[in-house]
Amino acid sequence: MSWPMRLALLINRSAGSFRNLSLEPTVAAIAARLGAAGHQVETEICAARDLPSALSALAADHGFDAVVVGGGDGTMLTAILAGLGIDRPLGILPLGTMNLLARDLGLPRDPVEAAAMLANAKPAEIDLAEVNGLPFAIWASLGMHPWMVRRRDHLQRDGIGKWRAMALAALRALRRYPMVKARLTVKGDSFTVATPMIVITNNSWRTGQLPPLRPALDSGLLEVHVARCSSRLALAWLAINAALGRWAVGRLLETHRAETVQVLSRKRRVMVSLDGEVTVMHPPLLFRARPRALKVLMP
């Protein structure tokens, strides 16, 4: 890869950070930080509805050495689905709400400071994961979490703010208590579960902190968490402890590590959240680690 680079900078104008930051001055400052290192930067600001087509166009344009995308974890998943990060590095610029992937890479929350670090970053390869061929970079979930995210999105469309919508969705989910009844196969061993939530992470989360971080991004393993909660009270206790960064609470959380995980269900369709984006899939679900399959700019 040549240095300095020709960079494409694509910004999601609907990203959560722009509730507090002015769009055009922030984007200009980001481009200036990247350009200060000698890179040639071509900037595009894109509405959320136009992201898939814009990112696909950049994936097909081989005139750039790398593509830097500004947005949240959902925006980064859209970029990966479009094919970015496969043959050229993907630069992750934190402009969302949680920015879990950017945090895992060691980037600061301030997008202009993060751009200054990306300006001197080097290409690196980290793990991806997939389910039935669909990639995800951070985590997947079944059960209560995708149900909450779908309900939150409906409430947001009614004009309710994101955090209030998520709190209302959590209360409704706790009242409804959707359960996953499935058969899991991990390392050749099969077992049946009836659980409010299954979480599968691409590499392991470190306990004791919030939001959770992954100390390693290239172990080549998935981590499977099954909530062993038979009551709403037990689930609420697990949720409180998880919010404090304590994942392993007695016997309330069962954890396994493996390269592949199969989830069988009698349902014809199940909701799955991939990096916070909900999709509907047809079982059986085969989760698989893809070691070092994603090229990123690593600060």
Protein backbone atom coordinates (compact mmCIF):
# COMPACT_ATOMS: atom_id res chain seq x y z
CA MET A 1 0.00 0.00 0.00
CA SER A 2 1.30 3.44 -0.96
CA TRP A 3 1.91 6.17 1.60
CA PRO A 4 0.50 8.79 1.72
CA MET A 5 -2.81 7.29 0.67
CA ARG A 6 -5.75 8.29 -1.42
CA LEU A 7 -8.64 8.08 1.04
CA ALA A 8 -12.38 8.10 0.51
CA LEU A 9 -14.17 9.63 3.52
CA LEU A 10 -17.88 8.82 3.75
CA ILE A 11 -19.93 10.32 6.59
CA ASN A 12 -23.39 9.18 7.69
CA ARG A 13 -25.18 12.48 8.28
CA SER A 14 -27.78 10.65 10.41
CA ALA A 15 -25.16 9.37 12.89
CA GLY A 16 -25.94 9.92 16.56
CA SER A 17 -23.00 12.25 17.24
CA PHE A 18 -24.58 14.93 15.05
CA ARG A 19 -27.25 15.48 17.69
CA ASN A 20 -24.51 17.37 19.56
CA LEU A 21 -21.99 18.26 16.85
CA SER A 22 -22.39 20.57 13.87
CA LEU A 23 -22.23 18.47 10.72
CA GLU A 24 -20.20 20.50 8.22
CA PRO A 25 -17.57 21.96 10.63
CA THR A 26 -17.01 18.50 12.14
CA VAL A 27 -16.59 16.84 8.74
CA ALA A 28 -14.24 19.62 7.61
CA ALA A 29 -12.11 19.15 10.75
CA ILE A 30 -12.00 15.37 10.19
CA ALA A 31 -10.88 15.79 6.57
CA ALA A 32 -8.27 18.34 7.63
CA ARG A 33 -6.78 15.93 10.20
CA LEU A 34 -6.54 13.18 7.60
CA GLY A 35 -5.08 15.58 5.02
CA ALA A 36 -2.50 16.93 7.49
CA ALA A 37 -0.69 13.57 7.26
CA GLY A 38 -0.34 14.04 3.50
CA HIS A 39 -3.27 11.89 2.44
CA GLN A 40 -5.48 12.91 -0.48
CA VAL A 41 -9.04 12.92 0.88
CA GLU A 42 -12.29 12.85 -1.10
CA THR A 43 -15.30 13.51 1.14
CA GLU A 44 -18.94 12.48 0.74
CA ILE A 45 -21.77 13.15 3.21
CA CYS A 46 -24.59 10.66 2.85
CA ALA A 47 -28.12 10.22 4.21
CA ALA A 48 -28.81 6.94 5.99
CA ARG A 49 -31.16 5.69 3.28
CA ASP A 50 -28.42 6.14 0.66
CA LEU A 51 -25.66 4.42 2.64
CA PRO A 52 -25.87 0.92 1.07
CA SER A 53 -25.59 2.21 -2.51
CA ALA A 54 -22.86 4.75 -1.65
CA LEU A 55 -20.79 2.17 0.22
CA SER A 56 -21.21 -0.41 -2.54
CA ALA A 57 -19.98 2.16 -5.06
CA LEU A 58 -16.87 2.79 -2.94
CA ALA A 59 -16.24 -0.95 -2.61
CA ALA A 60 -16.25 -1.21 -6.41
CA ASP A 61 -14.00 1.85 -6.88
CA HIS A 62 -10.40 0.64 -6.74
CA GLY A 63 -8.98 4.13 -7.11
CA PHE A 64 -8.77 4.49 -3.31
CA ASP A 65 -6.17 2.92 -1.02
CA ALA A 66 -8.62 2.83 1.92
CA VAL A 67 -12.12 3.97 2.81
CA VAL A 68 -12.84 5.78 6.08
CA VAL A 69 -16.47 5.57 7.19
CA GLY A 70 -18.00 7.79 9.86
CA GLY A 71 -21.01 6.48 11.77
CA GLY A 72 -22.04 4.01 14.44
CA ASP A 73 -21.74 0.23 14.62
CA GLY A 74 -24.74 -0.21 12.31
CA THR A 75 -23.05 1.97 9.69
CA MET A 76 -19.89 -0.14 9.96
CA LEU A 77 -21.91 -3.32 9.48
CA THR A 78 -23.49 -1.78 6.36
CA ALA A 79 -19.97 -1.01 5.08
CA ILE A 80 -18.85 -4.61 5.66
CA LEU A 81 -21.98 -5.97 3.97
CA ALA A 82 -21.17 -3.73 0.99
CA GLY A 83 -17.75 -5.40 0.68
CA LEU A 84 -15.48 -2.83 2.33
CA GLY A 85 -12.59 -4.10 4.43
CA ILE A 86 -12.00 -7.13 2.19
CA ASP A 87 -9.30 -6.11 -0.29
CA ARG A 88 -8.49 -2.68 1.19
CA PRO A 89 -8.54 -1.41 4.78
CA LEU A 90 -11.66 0.08 6.30
CA GLY A 91 -11.17 3.06 8.59
CA ILE A 92 -13.68 3.24 11.46
CA LEU A 93 -14.59 6.77 12.56
CA PRO A 94 -16.78 6.89 15.73
CA LEU A 95 -19.86 9.01 15.10
CA GLY A 96 -22.56 6.76 16.57
CA THR A 97 -24.02 6.20 20.02
CA MET A 98 -22.01 3.27 21.40
CA ASN A 99 -19.17 2.92 18.85
CA LEU A 100 -18.18 -0.50 20.21
CA LEU A 101 -15.97 -1.42 17.26
CA ALA A 102 -14.12 1.89 17.39
CA ARG A 103 -13.55 1.44 21.13
CA ASP A 104 -12.22 -2.08 20.56
CA LEU A 105 -9.69 -0.61 18.11
CA GLY A 106 -8.52 1.88 20.72
CA LEU A 107 -9.98 4.99 19.09
CA PRO A 108 -11.13 7.94 21.23
CA ARG A 109 -14.79 8.96 21.25
CA ASP A 110 -14.02 12.39 19.79
CA PRO A 111 -14.23 11.91 15.99
CA VAL A 112 -11.67 14.61 15.18
CA GLU A 113 -9.13 13.08 17.59
CA ALA A 114 -9.94 9.67 16.12
CA ALA A 115 -9.28 11.03 12.61
CA ALA A 116 -5.85 12.24 13.75
CA MET A 117 -5.05 8.71 14.94
CA LEU A 118 -6.38 7.13 11.74
CA ALA A 119 -4.17 9.47 9.71
CA ASN A 120 -1.14 7.54 11.02
CA ALA A 121 -2.77 4.11 11.34
CA LYS A 122 -1.44 0.95 9.72
CA PRO A 123 -3.41 -1.82 7.98
CA ALA A 124 -4.23 -4.81 10.19
CA GLU A 125 -6.43 -7.91 9.96
CA ILE A 126 -9.04 -8.72 12.59
CA ASP A 127 -11.70 -11.42 12.90
CA LEU A 128 -15.18 -11.33 11.46
CA ALA A 129 -18.01 -13.66 12.35
CA GLU A 130 -20.99 -14.76 10.31
CA VAL A 131 -24.35 -16.47 10.61
CA ASN A 132 -25.65 -18.34 7.57
CA GLY A 133 -23.22 -16.31 5.47
CA LEU A 134 -24.20 -12.88 6.85
CA PRO A 135 -21.19 -11.17 8.49
CA PHE A 136 -21.08 -9.30 11.78
CA ALA A 137 -18.14 -7.64 13.46
CA ILE A 138 -19.04 -7.51 17.17
CA TRP A 139 -21.99 -9.57 18.40
CA ALA A 140 -25.24 -11.29 17.57
CA SER A 141 -28.25 -11.97 19.76
CA LEU A 142 -31.50 -13.92 19.79
CA GLY A 143 -34.51 -13.59 22.04
CA MET A 144 -35.27 -10.53 24.12
CA HIS A 145 -32.60 -8.20 22.73
CA PRO A 146 -33.69 -8.18 19.04
CA TRP A 147 -37.31 -7.93 20.22
CA MET A 148 -36.34 -4.81 22.25
CA VAL A 149 -34.42 -3.28 19.34
CA ARG A 150 -37.37 -3.80 16.96
CA ARG A 151 -39.76 -2.24 19.51
CA ARG A 152 -37.32 0.65 20.13
CA ASP A 153 -37.18 1.40 16.40
CA HIS A 154 -40.98 1.54 16.24
CA LEU A 155 -41.08 3.96 19.20
CA GLN A 156 -38.40 6.14 17.63
CA ARG A 157 -40.46 6.41 14.46
CA ASP A 158 -43.24 7.75 16.68
CA GLY A 159 -40.93 10.57 17.78
CA ILE A 160 -39.59 9.19 21.06
CA GLY A 161 -35.86 9.70 21.76
CA LYS A 162 -33.51 6.72 21.43
CA TRP A 163 -32.67 6.16 25.10
CA ARG A 164 -36.24 6.68 26.31
CA ALA A 165 -37.48 4.39 23.55
CA MET A 166 -34.99 1.70 24.60
CA ALA A 167 -36.07 1.97 28.26
CA LEU A 168 -39.74 1.62 27.30
CA ALA A 169 -38.90 -1.30 25.00
CA ALA A 170 -37.00 -3.03 27.83
CA LEU A 171 -39.99 -2.68 30.19
CA ARG A 172 -42.35 -4.09 27.57
CA ALA A 173 -39.94 -6.93 26.82
CA LEU A 174 -39.70 -7.78 30.51
CA ARG A 175 -43.51 -7.90 30.69
CA ARG A 176 -43.84 -9.98 27.53
CA TYR A 177 -40.77 -12.13 28.33
CA PRO A 178 -40.10 -13.63 24.86
CA MET A 179 -38.30 -16.97 25.14
CA VAL A 180 -35.97 -18.82 22.79
CA LYS A 181 -36.43 -22.58 22.73
CA ALA A 182 -33.58 -24.08 20.75
CA ARG A 183 -31.00 -26.82 20.51
CA LEU A 184 -27.39 -25.63 20.48
CA THR A 185 -24.42 -27.58 19.18
CA VAL A 186 -21.02 -26.40 20.46
CA LYS A 187 -17.81 -28.41 19.89
CA GLY A 188 -19.86 -31.47 18.95
CA ASP A 189 -21.98 -31.39 22.13
CA SER A 190 -25.70 -30.67 21.75
CA PHE A 191 -28.02 -29.37 24.47
CA THR A 192 -31.49 -27.86 24.64
CA VAL A 193 -32.15 -24.42 26.11
CA ALA A 194 -35.21 -22.38 27.01
CA THR A 195 -33.86 -18.89 27.57
CA PRO A 196 -34.83 -15.23 27.24
CA MET A 197 -31.55 -14.44 25.50
CA ILE A 198 -28.62 -15.93 23.60
CA VAL A 199 -25.63 -13.69 22.85
CA ILE A 200 -22.78 -14.74 20.54
CA THR A 201 -19.73 -12.47 20.45
CA ASN A 202 -16.93 -12.32 17.89
CA ASN A 203 -14.04 -12.88 20.35
CA SER A 204 -14.52 -12.51 24.10
CA TRP A 205 -15.79 -9.52 26.02
CA ARG A 206 -13.75 -8.42 29.00
CA THR A 207 -15.72 -8.44 32.24
CA GLY A 208 -15.75 -5.59 34.74
CA GLN A 209 -16.39 -2.64 32.45
CA LEU A 210 -19.17 -0.92 30.53
CA PRO A 211 -19.50 -0.62 27.62
CA PRO A 212 -17.86 -4.00 27.11
CA LEU A 213 -14.55 -4.18 25.27
CA ARG A 214 -12.81 -7.08 23.57
CA PRO A 215 -9.15 -7.36 24.61
CA ALA A 216 -8.35 -9.52 21.54
CA LEU A 217 -9.79 -9.17 18.05
CA ASP A 218 -8.01 -12.11 16.41
CA SER A 219 -8.49 -15.19 18.61
CA GLY A 220 -10.54 -16.94 15.92
CA LEU A 221 -13.19 -17.95 18.48
CA LEU A 222 -16.82 -17.14 19.19
CA GLU A 223 -18.10 -16.77 22.73
CA VAL A 224 -21.63 -18.02 23.39
CA HIS A 225 -23.61 -16.67 26.37
CA VAL A 226 -26.90 -18.33 27.36
CA ALA A 227 -29.04 -16.65 30.03
CA ARG A 228 -30.18 -19.35 32.45
CA CYS A 229 -33.05 -17.30 33.91
CA SER A 230 -36.33 -18.98 34.80
CA SER A 231 -38.01 -15.81 36.09
CA ARG A 232 -38.25 -12.09 35.38
CA LEU A 233 -36.58 -11.35 38.70
CA ALA A 234 -33.55 -13.50 37.79
CA LEU A 235 -33.29 -11.82 34.39
CA ALA A 236 -33.55 -8.36 35.97
CA TRP A 237 -30.74 -9.29 38.39
CA LEU A 238 -28.60 -10.52 35.48
CA ALA A 239 -29.31 -7.31 33.54
CA ILE A 240 -28.34 -5.12 36.50
CA ASN A 241 -25.06 -6.97 36.93
CA ALA A 242 -24.36 -6.85 33.19
CA ALA A 243 -24.93 -3.08 33.28
CA LEU A 244 -22.22 -2.94 35.96
CA GLY A 245 -19.86 -4.98 33.81
CA ARG A 246 -20.29 -8.23 35.75
CA TRP A 247 -21.38 -10.84 33.21
CA ALA A 248 -20.89 -14.08 35.15
CA VAL A 249 -23.54 -14.02 37.89
CA GLY A 250 -23.64 -17.35 39.70
CA ARG A 251 -25.44 -19.83 37.49
CA LEU A 252 -27.46 -17.23 35.61
CA LEU A 253 -25.11 -17.10 32.62
CA GLU A 254 -23.63 -20.11 30.84
CA THR A 255 -20.65 -19.43 28.55
CA HIS A 256 -18.97 -21.50 25.84
CA ARG A 257 -16.15 -20.80 23.35
CA ALA A 258 -15.92 -22.40 19.94
CA GLU A 259 -15.18 -21.78 16.27
CA THR A 260 -18.73 -22.69 15.21
CA VAL A 261 -22.13 -22.77 16.92
CA GLN A 262 -25.35 -24.20 15.50
CA VAL A 263 -28.77 -23.08 16.74
CA LEU A 264 -31.80 -25.24 15.84
CA SER A 265 -35.34 -24.01 16.42
CA ARG A 266 -38.80 -25.31 15.61
CA LYS A 267 -39.80 -21.82 14.48
CA ARG A 268 -39.70 -21.14 10.76
CA ARG A 269 -38.35 -17.62 11.32
CA VAL A 270 -36.40 -16.03 14.16
CA MET A 271 -35.29 -12.47 14.79
CA VAL A 272 -31.51 -12.03 15.05
CA SER A 273 -29.69 -8.82 15.96
CA LEU A 274 -26.33 -8.38 14.21
CA ASP A 275 -24.27 -5.52 15.67
CA GLY A 276 -27.56 -3.94 16.77
CA GLU A 277 -29.33 -4.31 13.40
CA VAL A 278 -32.30 -6.71 13.42
CA THR A 279 -32.95 -9.18 10.62
CA VAL A 280 -35.25 -12.19 10.28
CA MET A 281 -33.59 -15.52 9.49
CA HIS A 282 -34.61 -19.12 8.86
CA PRO A 283 -33.16 -21.81 11.17
CA PRO A 284 -30.95 -23.70 11.45
CA LEU A 285 -28.51 -20.90 12.22
CA LEU A 286 -24.83 -21.66 11.78
CA PHE A 287 -22.54 -19.13 13.46
CA ARG A 288 -18.93 -19.29 12.35
CA ALA A 289 -15.72 -17.42 13.14
CA ARG A 290 -13.83 -15.97 10.16
CA PRO A 291 -10.26 -15.42 11.42
CA ARG A 292 -8.54 -12.23 10.19
CA ALA A 293 -11.15 -11.70 7.47
CA LEU A 294 -11.55 -7.94 7.97
CA LYS A 295 -8.86 -5.40 7.00
CA VAL A 296 -8.95 -2.23 9.11
CA LEU A 297 -6.80 0.81 9.80
CA MET A 298 -5.38 0.06 13.23
CA PRO A 299 -4.18 3.06 15.30
